[in-house]
C-alpha atoms as a PDB file:
ATOM      1  CA  MET A   1      19.051  -9.121  29.497  1.00  0.00           C
ATOM      2  CA  ALA A   2      20.121  -6.524  26.463  1.00  0.00           C
ATOM      3  CA  LYS A   3      17.089  -4.047  26.238  1.00  0.00           C
ATOM      4  CA  VAL A   4      15.771  -1.780  23.567  1.00  0.00           C
ATOM      5  CA  THR A   5      14.182   1.706  23.872  1.00  0.00           C
ATOM      6  CA  LEU A   6      10.717   2.215  22.279  1.00  0.00           C
ATOM      7  CA  LYS A   7       8.951   5.478  21.671  1.00  0.00           C
ATOM      8  CA  VAL A   8       4.982   4.632  21.018  1.00  0.00           C
ATOM      9  CA  TYR A   9       2.623   7.015  19.564  1.00  0.00           C
ATOM     10  CA  ARG A  10      -0.143   6.829  22.144  1.00  0.00           C
ATOM     11  CA  GLY A  11      -3.548   8.794  22.360  1.00  0.00           C
ATOM     12  CA  ASP A  12      -6.072   9.641  19.467  1.00  0.00           C
ATOM     13  CA  LYS A  13      -7.264  12.315  16.908  1.00  0.00           C
ATOM     14  CA  GLU A  14      -7.806  14.867  19.698  1.00  0.00           C
ATOM     15  CA  LYS A  15      -4.507  14.918  21.447  1.00  0.00           C
ATOM     16  CA  GLY A  16      -1.343  12.539  21.992  1.00  0.00           C
ATOM     17  CA  GLU A  17       2.354  12.050  22.505  1.00  0.00           C
ATOM     18  CA  PHE A  18       5.018  10.010  22.372  1.00  0.00           C
ATOM     19  CA  LYS A  19       5.762   7.724  25.158  1.00  0.00           C
ATOM     20  CA  THR A  20       9.205   5.961  25.789  1.00  0.00           C
ATOM     21  CA  TYR A  21       9.173   2.356  27.163  1.00  0.00           C
ATOM     22  CA  GLU A  22      12.223   0.009  27.390  1.00  0.00           C
ATOM     23  CA  VAL A  23      11.259  -3.665  26.295  1.00  0.00           C
ATOM     24  CA  PRO A  24      14.245  -6.740  26.773  1.00  0.00           C
ATOM     25  CA  ILE A  25      15.418  -8.605  23.583  1.00  0.00           C
ATOM     26  CA  GLU A  26      15.320 -11.482  22.839  1.00  0.00           C
ATOM     27  CA  ASP A  27      16.983 -13.171  19.470  1.00  0.00           C
ATOM     28  CA  GLY A  28      14.741 -12.916  16.230  1.00  0.00           C
ATOM     29  CA  MET A  29      12.291 -10.431  18.116  1.00  0.00           C
ATOM     30  CA  VAL A  30      10.262  -7.728  15.865  1.00  0.00           C
ATOM     31  CA  ILE A  31       8.965  -4.520  16.822  1.00  0.00           C
ATOM     32  CA  LEU A  32       5.447  -6.431  17.148  1.00  0.00           C
ATOM     33  CA  ASP A  33       6.795  -8.325  19.699  1.00  0.00           C
ATOM     34  CA  ALA A  34       8.104  -5.256  21.628  1.00  0.00           C
ATOM     35  CA  ILE A  35       4.459  -3.794  21.120  1.00  0.00           C
ATOM     36  CA  HIS A  36       3.095  -7.038  22.619  1.00  0.00           C
ATOM     37  CA  TYR A  37       5.699  -6.842  25.565  1.00  0.00           C
ATOM     38  CA  ILE A  38       4.395  -3.369  26.520  1.00  0.00           C
ATOM     39  CA  GLN A  39       1.074  -4.514  26.305  1.00  0.00           C
ATOM     40  CA  ALA A  40       1.520  -7.652  28.350  1.00  0.00           C
ATOM     41  CA  ASN A  41       3.488  -5.581  31.087  1.00  0.00           C
ATOM     42  CA  ILE A  42       3.239  -2.104  30.928  1.00  0.00           C
ATOM     43  CA  ASP A  43       0.789  -0.276  29.636  1.00  0.00           C
ATOM     44  CA  ASN A  44      -2.492  -2.912  28.645  1.00  0.00           C
ATOM     45  CA  ASP A  45      -4.305  -0.728  26.558  1.00  0.00           C
ATOM     46  CA  ILE A  46      -2.143   0.314  23.974  1.00  0.00           C
ATOM     47  CA  ALA A  47      -3.778  -0.267  20.724  1.00  0.00           C
ATOM     48  CA  VAL A  48      -2.544  -1.770  17.933  1.00  0.00           C
ATOM     49  CA  ARG A  49      -3.995  -3.707  14.832  1.00  0.00           C
ATOM     50  CA  TRP A  50      -2.239  -7.206  13.893  1.00  0.00           C
ATOM     51  CA  ASN A  51      -3.548 -11.098  12.785  1.00  0.00           C
ATOM     52  CA  CYS A  52      -1.149 -13.201  11.319  1.00  0.00           C
ATOM     53  CA  LYS A  53       2.326 -11.811  12.768  1.00  0.00           C
ATOM     54  CA  ALA A  54       3.983 -13.511   8.959  1.00  0.00           C
ATOM     55  CA  ALA A  55       3.504 -10.822   6.810  1.00  0.00           C
ATOM     56  CA  LYS A  56       0.780 -11.865   5.394  1.00  0.00           C
ATOM     57  CA  CYS A  57      -2.223 -10.253   6.086  1.00  0.00           C
ATOM     58  CA  GLY A  58      -1.413  -6.316   5.950  1.00  0.00           C
ATOM     59  CA  SER A  59      -2.410  -5.777   9.447  1.00  0.00           C
ATOM     60  CA  CYS A  60       0.087  -4.454  11.567  1.00  0.00           C
ATOM     61  CA  SER A  61       1.072  -1.553   9.136  1.00  0.00           C
ATOM     62  CA  ALA A  62       2.852   1.517  11.185  1.00  0.00           C
ATOM     63  CA  GLU A  63       6.045   4.187  10.629  1.00  0.00           C
ATOM     64  CA  VAL A  64       9.204   2.989  12.123  1.00  0.00           C
ATOM     65  CA  ASN A  65      11.358   5.409  12.605  1.00  0.00           C
ATOM     66  CA  GLY A  66       9.020   7.573   9.927  1.00  0.00           C
ATOM     67  CA  LYS A  67       9.349   4.714   7.248  1.00  0.00           C
ATOM     68  CA  PRO A  68       5.943   2.620   7.001  1.00  0.00           C
ATOM     69  CA  SER A  69       6.421  -0.935   7.684  1.00  0.00           C
ATOM     70  CA  LEU A  70       5.434  -3.711   8.979  1.00  0.00           C
ATOM     71  CA  MET A  71       5.903  -4.239  12.563  1.00  0.00           C
ATOM     72  CA  CYS A  72       6.033  -7.979  12.152  1.00  0.00           C
ATOM     73  CA  LYS A  73       8.558  -7.775   9.616  1.00  0.00           C
ATOM     74  CA  THR A  74      10.653  -5.066  11.280  1.00  0.00           C
ATOM     75  CA  ARG A  75      13.318  -6.884  12.962  1.00  0.00           C
ATOM     76  CA  LEU A  76      14.956  -5.357  16.296  1.00  0.00           C
ATOM     77  CA  ASP A  77      18.651  -6.460  15.249  1.00  0.00           C
ATOM     78  CA  ARG A  78      18.142  -4.442  12.633  1.00  0.00           C
ATOM     79  CA  PHE A  79      18.552  -1.595  14.344  1.00  0.00           C
ATOM     80  CA  ALA A  80      22.326  -0.132  15.956  1.00  0.00           C
ATOM     81  CA  LYS A  81      22.451  -0.805  19.819  1.00  0.00           C
ATOM     82  CA  ASP A  82      21.002   2.160  21.942  1.00  0.00           C
ATOM     83  CA  GLU A  83      19.408   3.416  18.892  1.00  0.00           C
ATOM     84  CA  VAL A  84      15.425   4.849  19.990  1.00  0.00           C
ATOM     85  CA  ILE A  85      12.985   3.655  18.127  1.00  0.00           C
ATOM     86  CA  THR A  86      10.198   5.690  17.123  1.00  0.00           C
ATOM     87  CA  VAL A  87       6.597   3.258  16.208  1.00  0.00           C
ATOM     88  CA  GLN A  88       3.709   5.736  15.664  1.00  0.00           C
ATOM     89  CA  PRO A  89       0.396   5.595  12.915  1.00  0.00           C
ATOM     90  CA  LEU A  90       0.095   5.461   9.514  1.00  0.00           C
ATOM     91  CA  LYS A  91       0.136   9.445   8.802  1.00  0.00           C
ATOM     92  CA  THR A  92      -1.970   8.997   5.563  1.00  0.00           C
ATOM     93  CA  PHE A  93      -4.915   7.782   7.002  1.00  0.00           C
ATOM     94  CA  PRO A  94      -7.003   8.859  10.305  1.00  0.00           C
ATOM     95  CA  LEU A  95      -6.569   7.862  13.713  1.00  0.00           C
ATOM     96  CA  ILE A  96      -8.216   6.224  15.637  1.00  0.00           C
ATOM     97  CA  LYS A  97      -6.181   5.458  18.894  1.00  0.00           C
ATOM     98  CA  ASP A  98      -2.362   4.959  19.508  1.00  0.00           C
ATOM     99  CA  LEU A  99      -1.287   2.555  16.403  1.00  0.00           C
ATOM    100  CA  VAL A 100      -4.724   2.016  15.059  1.00  0.00           C
ATOM    101  CA  THR A 101      -5.768   4.079  11.869  1.00  0.00           C
ATOM    102  CA  ASP A 102      -8.949   4.310   9.894  1.00  0.00           C
ATOM    103  CA  VAL A 103      -8.244   2.846   6.449  1.00  0.00           C
ATOM    104  CA  SER A 104     -11.883   2.080   5.481  1.00  0.00           C
ATOM    105  CA  TRP A 105     -11.475   5.478   2.559  1.00  0.00           C
ATOM    106  CA  ASN A 106      -9.392   2.200   0.749  1.00  0.00           C
ATOM    107  CA  TYR A 107     -11.960   0.136   0.167  1.00  0.00           C
ATOM    108  CA  GLU A 108     -14.482   3.149  -0.899  1.00  0.00           C
ATOM    109  CA  VAL A 109     -12.209   3.784  -3.686  1.00  0.00           C
ATOM    110  CA  ASN A 110     -11.968  -0.077  -4.796  1.00  0.00           C
ATOM    111  CA  LYS A 111     -15.924  -0.155  -5.231  1.00  0.00           C
ATOM    112  CA  HIS A 112     -14.757   2.810  -8.142  1.00  0.00           C
ATOM    113  CA  ILE A 113     -12.931   0.083  -9.847  1.00  0.00           C
ATOM    114  CA  THR A 114     -14.688  -1.554 -12.976  1.00  0.00           C
ATOM    115  CA  PRO A 115     -14.356  -4.696 -12.134  1.00  0.00           C
ATOM    116  CA  LEU A 116     -12.997  -8.280 -14.447  1.00  0.00           C
ATOM    117  CA  THR A 117     -14.928  -8.258 -17.693  1.00  0.00           C
ATOM    118  CA  SER A 118     -15.214 -10.501 -20.268  1.00  0.00           C
ATOM    119  CA  LYS A 119     -17.328 -12.110 -23.112  1.00  0.00           C
ATOM    120  CA  ASP A 120     -15.462 -15.539 -23.327  1.00  0.00           C
ATOM    121  CA  GLU A 121     -17.588 -18.024 -21.228  1.00  0.00           C
ATOM    122  CA  GLY A 122     -16.436 -21.522 -19.869  1.00  0.00           C
ATOM    123  CA  GLU A 123     -12.679 -22.807 -19.302  1.00  0.00           C
ATOM    124  CA  TRP A 124     -10.162 -19.789 -20.413  1.00  0.00           C
ATOM    125  CA  VAL A 125      -7.012 -20.809 -22.204  1.00  0.00           C
ATOM    126  CA  ILE A 126      -4.207 -18.783 -21.548  1.00  0.00           C
ATOM    127  CA  TYR A 127      -1.077 -18.394 -22.103  1.00  0.00           C
ATOM    128  CA  GLN A 128       1.333 -18.762 -19.515  1.00  0.00           C
ATOM    129  CA  GLU A 129       3.551 -15.600 -20.182  1.00  0.00           C
ATOM    130  CA  ASP A 130       0.241 -13.486 -20.142  1.00  0.00           C
ATOM    131  CA  ILE A 131      -1.040 -15.204 -16.773  1.00  0.00           C
ATOM    132  CA  GLU A 132       2.958 -14.462 -15.231  1.00  0.00           C
ATOM    133  CA  ARG A 133       2.485 -10.567 -16.248  1.00  0.00           C
ATOM    134  CA  VAL A 134      -0.454 -10.107 -14.207  1.00  0.00           C
ATOM    135  CA  GLN A 135       0.040 -12.512 -11.607  1.00  0.00           C
ATOM    136  CA  GLU A 136       2.473  -9.998  -9.630  1.00  0.00           C
ATOM    137  CA  PHE A 137      -0.100  -7.922  -8.593  1.00  0.00           C
ATOM    138  CA  ARG A 138      -2.399 -10.344  -6.967  1.00  0.00           C
ATOM    139  CA  LYS A 139       0.965 -10.786  -4.199  1.00  0.00           C
ATOM    140  CA  CYS A 140      -0.737  -7.294  -2.960  1.00  0.00           C
ATOM    141  CA  ILE A 141      -1.246  -8.217   1.292  1.00  0.00           C
ATOM    142  CA  GLU A 142      -3.483  -4.340   1.549  1.00  0.00           C
ATOM    143  CA  CYS A 143      -0.984  -3.530   4.126  1.00  0.00           C
ATOM    144  CA  PHE A 144      -1.512   0.224   2.449  1.00  0.00           C
ATOM    145  CA  LEU A 145       2.592   0.744   3.243  1.00  0.00           C
ATOM    146  CA  CYS A 146       2.353   2.151  -0.589  1.00  0.00           C
ATOM    147  CA  GLN A 147      -0.575   4.642   0.111  1.00  0.00           C
ATOM    148  CA  ASP A 148       1.180   5.998   3.226  1.00  0.00           C
ATOM    149  CA  VAL A 149       4.490   6.651   1.928  1.00  0.00           C
ATOM    150  CA  CYS A 150       3.247   8.292  -1.495  1.00  0.00           C
ATOM    151  CA  HIS A 151       3.439  11.861  -1.685  1.00  0.00           C
ATOM    152  CA  VAL A 152       0.197  12.510  -3.526  1.00  0.00           C
ATOM    153  CA  LEU A 153      -1.575  11.615  -0.366  1.00  0.00           C
ATOM    154  CA  ARG A 154       0.280  12.017   2.341  1.00  0.00           C
ATOM    155  CA  ASP A 155       1.677  15.684   1.855  1.00  0.00           C
ATOM    156  CA  HIS A 156      -0.869  16.820  -0.589  1.00  0.00           C
ATOM    157  CA  ASP A 157      -4.266  15.082   0.840  1.00  0.00           C
ATOM    158  CA  LYS A 158      -5.571  13.930  -2.742  1.00  0.00           C
ATOM    159  CA  HIS A 159      -7.492  11.433  -1.328  1.00  0.00           C
ATOM    160  CA  ALA A 160     -10.741  12.951  -3.414  1.00  0.00           C
ATOM    161  CA  ASN A 161      -8.504  13.079  -6.378  1.00  0.00           C
ATOM    162  CA  PHE A 162      -6.187  10.330  -6.635  1.00  0.00           C
ATOM    163  CA  ALA A 163      -6.794   6.353  -5.761  1.00  0.00           C
ATOM    164  CA  GLY A 164      -3.114   5.535  -5.043  1.00  0.00           C
ATOM    165  CA  PRO A 165      -0.344   3.111  -5.888  1.00  0.00           C
ATOM    166  CA  ARG A 166      -2.480   0.146  -4.498  1.00  0.00           C
ATOM    167  CA  PHE A 167      -5.664   0.432  -6.473  1.00  0.00           C
ATOM    168  CA  LEU A 168      -3.592   1.437  -9.575  1.00  0.00           C
ATOM    169  CA  VAL A 169      -1.903  -1.688  -9.175  1.00  0.00           C
ATOM    170  CA  ARG A 170      -5.477  -3.413  -8.997  1.00  0.00           C
ATOM    171  CA  THR A 171      -6.440  -1.470 -11.851  1.00  0.00           C
ATOM    172  CA  ALA A 172      -3.230  -3.104 -13.934  1.00  0.00           C
ATOM    173  CA  GLY A 173      -4.007  -6.495 -12.869  1.00  0.00           C
ATOM    174  CA  LEU A 174      -7.470  -6.135 -15.068  1.00  0.00           C
ATOM    175  CA  GLU A 175      -6.124  -3.938 -17.622  1.00  0.00           C
ATOM    176  CA  MET A 176      -3.016  -6.431 -18.537  1.00  0.00           C
ATOM    177  CA  HIS A 177      -5.379  -9.682 -18.106  1.00  0.00           C
ATOM    178  CA  PRO A 178      -5.856 -11.577 -21.191  1.00  0.00           C
ATOM    179  CA  LYS A 179      -9.017 -11.714 -20.878  1.00  0.00           C
ATOM    180  CA  ASP A 180     -10.356  -8.576 -20.197  1.00  0.00           C
ATOM    181  CA  THR A 181     -12.293  -6.524 -22.447  1.00  0.00           C
ATOM    182  CA  ALA A 182     -12.878  -3.132 -20.153  1.00  0.00           C
ATOM    183  CA  SER A 183     -11.276  -0.349 -20.760  1.00  0.00           C
ATOM    184  CA  ARG A 184     -10.633   1.847 -17.546  1.00  0.00           C
ATOM    185  CA  THR A 185      -8.196   4.889 -19.022  1.00  0.00           C
ATOM    186  CA  LYS A 186     -11.083   7.205 -18.631  1.00  0.00           C
ATOM    187  CA  TYR A 187     -11.195   6.236 -14.844  1.00  0.00           C
ATOM    188  CA  LEU A 188      -7.092   6.457 -14.504  1.00  0.00           C
ATOM    189  CA  LYS A 189      -7.472  10.052 -16.386  1.00  0.00           C
ATOM    190  CA  GLU A 190     -10.170  11.135 -14.055  1.00  0.00           C
ATOM    191  CA  GLU A 191     -10.956   9.960 -11.212  1.00  0.00           C
ATOM    192  CA  GLY A 192      -8.170   7.917 -10.227  1.00  0.00           C
ATOM    193  CA  GLY A 193      -6.118  10.832 -11.146  1.00  0.00           C
ATOM    194  CA  ILE A 194      -3.028   9.155 -12.803  1.00  0.00           C
ATOM    195  CA  GLY A 195      -1.592  12.345 -13.350  1.00  0.00           C
ATOM    196  CA  TYR A 196      -0.705  13.015  -9.831  1.00  0.00           C
ATOM    197  CA  CYS A 197       1.719  10.263 -10.116  1.00  0.00           C
ATOM    198  CA  ASN A 198       5.604  11.698 -10.622  1.00  0.00           C
ATOM    199  CA  ILE A 199       7.250   8.499 -10.693  1.00  0.00           C
ATOM    200  CA  THR A 200       8.987   8.506  -7.684  1.00  0.00           C
ATOM    201  CA  LYS A 201       9.139   5.007  -6.485  1.00  0.00           C
ATOM    202  CA  CYS A 202       8.714   5.356  -3.201  1.00  0.00           C
ATOM    203  CA  CYS A 203       5.786   3.128  -3.107  1.00  0.00           C
ATOM    204  CA  THR A 204       8.015   0.103  -4.539  1.00  0.00           C
ATOM    205  CA  GLU A 205      10.267   0.614  -2.412  1.00  0.00           C
ATOM    206  CA  VAL A 206       8.125  -0.180   1.191  1.00  0.00           C
ATOM    207  CA  CYS A 207       5.976  -2.884  -0.366  1.00  0.00           C
ATOM    208  CA  PRO A 208       6.348  -6.053   1.746  1.00  0.00           C
ATOM    209  CA  GLU A 209       6.151  -8.265  -1.092  1.00  0.00           C
ATOM    210  CA  GLU A 210       8.060  -6.525  -3.463  1.00  0.00           C
ATOM    211  CA  ILE A 211       6.358  -5.715  -6.034  1.00  0.00           C
ATOM    212  CA  HIS A 212       7.089  -3.057  -8.719  1.00  0.00           C
ATOM    213  CA  ILE A 213       4.310  -0.898  -8.440  1.00  0.00           C
ATOM    214  CA  THR A 214       5.847   1.807 -10.249  1.00  0.00           C
ATOM    215  CA  ASP A 215       7.375  -0.322 -13.298  1.00  0.00           C
ATOM    216  CA  ASN A 216       5.185  -2.927 -14.132  1.00  0.00           C
ATOM    217  CA  ALA A 217       1.634  -1.590 -13.019  1.00  0.00           C
ATOM    218  CA  ILE A 218       1.864   2.591 -12.901  1.00  0.00           C
ATOM    219  CA  ILE A 219       4.253   3.481 -15.623  1.00  0.00           C
ATOM    220  CA  PRO A 220       2.339   0.940 -18.783  1.00  0.00           C
ATOM    221  CA  LEU A 221      -1.058   2.175 -17.198  1.00  0.00           C
ATOM    222  CA  LYS A 222       0.324   6.006 -17.971  1.00  0.00           C
ATOM    223  CA  GLU A 223       1.122   4.856 -21.285  1.00  0.00           C
ATOM    224  CA  ARG A 224      -2.148   3.697 -21.778  1.00  0.00           C
ATOM    225  CA  VAL A 225      -3.746   6.589 -20.556  1.00  0.00           C
ATOM    226  CA  VAL A 226      -1.483   8.866 -22.934  1.00  0.00           C
ATOM    227  CA  ASP A 227      -2.283   6.416 -25.736  1.00  0.00           C
ATOM    228  CA  ASP A 228      -6.009   7.082 -25.620  1.00  0.00           C
ATOM    229  CA  PHE A 229      -6.234  10.909 -24.617  1.00  0.00           C
ATOM    230  CA  TYR A 230      -3.225  12.220 -26.022  1.00  0.00           C
ATOM    231  CA  ASP A 231      -1.295  10.944 -28.522  1.00  0.00           C
ATOM    232  CA  PRO A 232      -3.018  12.077 -31.933  1.00  0.00           C
ATOM    233  CA  ILE A 233      -1.371   9.218 -33.855  1.00  0.00           C
ATOM    234  CA  ALA A 234      -2.997   6.596 -31.852  1.00  0.00           C
ATOM    235  CA  LYS A 235      -6.302   8.628 -31.680  1.00  0.00           C
ATOM    236  CA  PHE A 236      -7.081   8.395 -35.324  1.00  0.00           C
ATOM    237  CA  LEU A 237      -5.423   5.148 -35.586  1.00  0.00           C
ATOM    238  CA  LYS A 238      -8.490   4.079 -33.324  1.00  0.00           C
ATOM    239  CA  GLY A 239     -10.480   6.238 -34.976  1.00  0.00           C
ATOM    240  CA  LEU A 240     -10.334   4.967 -38.226  1.00  0.00           C
ATOM    241  CA  PHE A 241     -10.539   1.298 -37.379  1.00  0.00           C
ATOM    242  CA  LYS A 242     -13.366   2.293 -35.252  1.00  0.00           C
ATOM    243  CA  LYS A 243     -15.060   3.540 -39.107  1.00  0.00           C
END
């Protein structure tokens, strides 16, 4: 039976190293299958987070050959024959053990975003085109791969100043909702730190749900911030209408 060689990170926040494993290959196997084989047959104490194995829960996020990926969606047959596959935890978040990281920071960020706010009560009548505009953002499974690949968080450690792509997507889904009346541009400019994003589109590239994070969420939000805080004409007109 053919085999694949995996180098898997083993350790915690204090110390760790890559350990090499050989795993027999069967048709249709994914990285998560290989990790489960290691758990069952070689090292049963290897830590890994997973749930649905259907690329919908977002739990099994890791870095495969340096790229943030869902282990349950990354097939072994996509790699070259005899290629050594490196599997390691997400770099952007604190390591707990082996392939498991502490992503709780994300849920703290989420608490600071103003929820859906509407003056309308009862049944809503909404145009289909308006629904379609925000529906894409609801596909997010919170795998946090976009957070991991984002250079603002990954390389510059701006966790205290930048919400990250996932929560810019959530903010976009609220800001563009046809019945929402709140303004989140001040949050985006200050606490959300949208100015740190320089539109590299790396977040869009790793999204397993193929959400157009940069084009459909981040850029429109940047435009709203510019209109509210930097565009003199827009500022004048808003002041005029307020009067």
